[in-house]
Amino acid sequence: MRSMTGFGASSTSIDAGRLTVEVRSVNARSLDVRLKMPDLFTDATLWAEQLVRGRLRRGRVEIPIVWEADAARALWFDKAL
């Protein structure tokens, strides 16, 4: 039997700043995915939720994402890509 309760965290630095992602899950009858992302990543919200829903069937999953920008550099996304 696999547990639905868990925690994981990771962070990485890139030229424009530091990205930190945590995943917390607890037992629940249905699947409840809650993403907390900076406005910069709004376009990726649906993609991230679908990624989680494709892997899990039940549980309450909270995913806070923190972006710490380097003030000296700008970050941008190529939406067409």
Protein backbone atom coordinates (compact mmCIF):
# COMPACT_ATOMS: atom_id res chain seq x y z
CA MET A 1 0.00 0.00 0.00
CA ARG A 2 1.29 3.47 -0.87
CA SER A 3 0.89 6.41 1.47
CA MET A 4 -0.77 9.60 0.26
CA THR A 5 1.02 11.63 2.93
CA GLY A 6 4.34 13.11 1.92
CA PHE A 7 6.57 16.13 1.50
CA GLY A 8 9.24 17.06 -0.99
CA ALA A 9 11.16 20.23 -1.78
CA SER A 10 13.70 21.33 -4.31
CA SER A 11 15.31 24.57 -5.40
CA THR A 12 17.59 25.65 -8.17
CA SER A 13 19.46 28.79 -9.11
CA ILE A 14 19.54 30.19 -12.60
CA ASP A 15 20.99 33.43 -13.96
CA ALA A 16 17.80 35.38 -13.25
CA GLY A 17 17.18 34.15 -9.68
CA ARG A 18 16.21 31.17 -7.53
CA LEU A 19 13.18 28.89 -7.91
CA THR A 20 11.90 26.80 -4.97
CA VAL A 21 9.13 24.21 -5.27
CA GLU A 22 7.55 22.25 -2.41
CA VAL A 23 4.95 19.48 -2.63
CA ARG A 24 2.86 18.49 0.39
CA SER A 25 0.19 15.81 0.32
CA VAL A 26 -2.23 14.37 2.85
CA ASN A 27 -4.89 11.68 2.69
CA ALA A 28 -8.25 12.62 1.15
CA ARG A 29 -11.02 10.75 -0.66
CA SER A 30 -10.82 12.82 -3.81
CA LEU A 31 -8.01 14.72 -5.51
CA ASP A 32 -7.66 18.35 -4.45
CA VAL A 33 -4.73 20.15 -6.08
CA ARG A 34 -3.80 23.62 -4.80
CA LEU A 35 -1.07 25.57 -6.55
CA LYS A 36 0.37 28.81 -5.20
CA MET A 37 2.53 30.48 -7.83
CA PRO A 38 3.86 33.98 -8.40
CA ASP A 39 2.02 35.98 -11.06
CA LEU A 40 5.02 35.48 -13.34
CA PHE A 41 4.07 31.80 -13.71
CA THR A 42 0.30 32.24 -14.19
CA ASP A 43 0.46 30.77 -17.70
CA ALA A 44 1.93 27.53 -16.32
CA THR A 45 -0.78 26.95 -13.68
CA LEU A 46 -3.05 24.76 -15.81
CA TRP A 47 -0.09 22.75 -17.13
CA ALA A 48 1.21 22.10 -13.60
CA GLU A 49 -2.21 21.06 -12.30
CA GLN A 50 -2.73 18.67 -15.23
CA LEU A 51 0.70 17.18 -14.58
CA VAL A 52 -0.26 16.41 -10.96
CA ARG A 53 -3.72 15.09 -11.92
CA GLY A 54 -2.11 12.77 -14.46
CA ARG A 55 -0.03 11.13 -11.73
CA LEU A 56 -2.36 11.04 -8.71
CA ARG A 57 -5.91 9.83 -8.08
CA ARG A 58 -6.63 11.07 -4.57
CA GLY A 59 -5.27 13.19 -1.74
CA ARG A 60 -4.95 16.88 -0.98
CA VAL A 61 -1.85 18.23 -2.68
CA GLU A 62 -0.44 21.69 -1.99
CA ILE A 63 2.32 23.04 -4.22
CA PRO A 64 3.77 26.41 -3.26
CA ILE A 65 6.27 27.80 -5.76
CA VAL A 66 8.54 30.68 -4.74
CA TRP A 67 10.52 32.79 -7.18
CA GLU A 68 13.31 35.02 -5.84
CA ALA A 69 14.36 37.23 -8.74
CA ASP A 70 17.84 38.61 -9.17
CA ALA A 71 17.22 42.35 -9.42
CA ALA A 72 20.09 42.72 -11.87
CA ARG A 73 18.58 40.33 -14.44
CA ALA A 74 15.18 39.97 -16.03
CA LEU A 75 13.33 36.69 -16.61
CA TRP A 76 11.05 36.22 -19.57
CA PHE A 77 9.16 33.35 -21.19
CA ASP A 78 8.87 32.55 -24.88
CA LYS A 79 5.09 31.88 -24.92
CA ALA A 80 5.18 30.71 -28.53
CA LEU A 81 7.66 27.98 -27.58
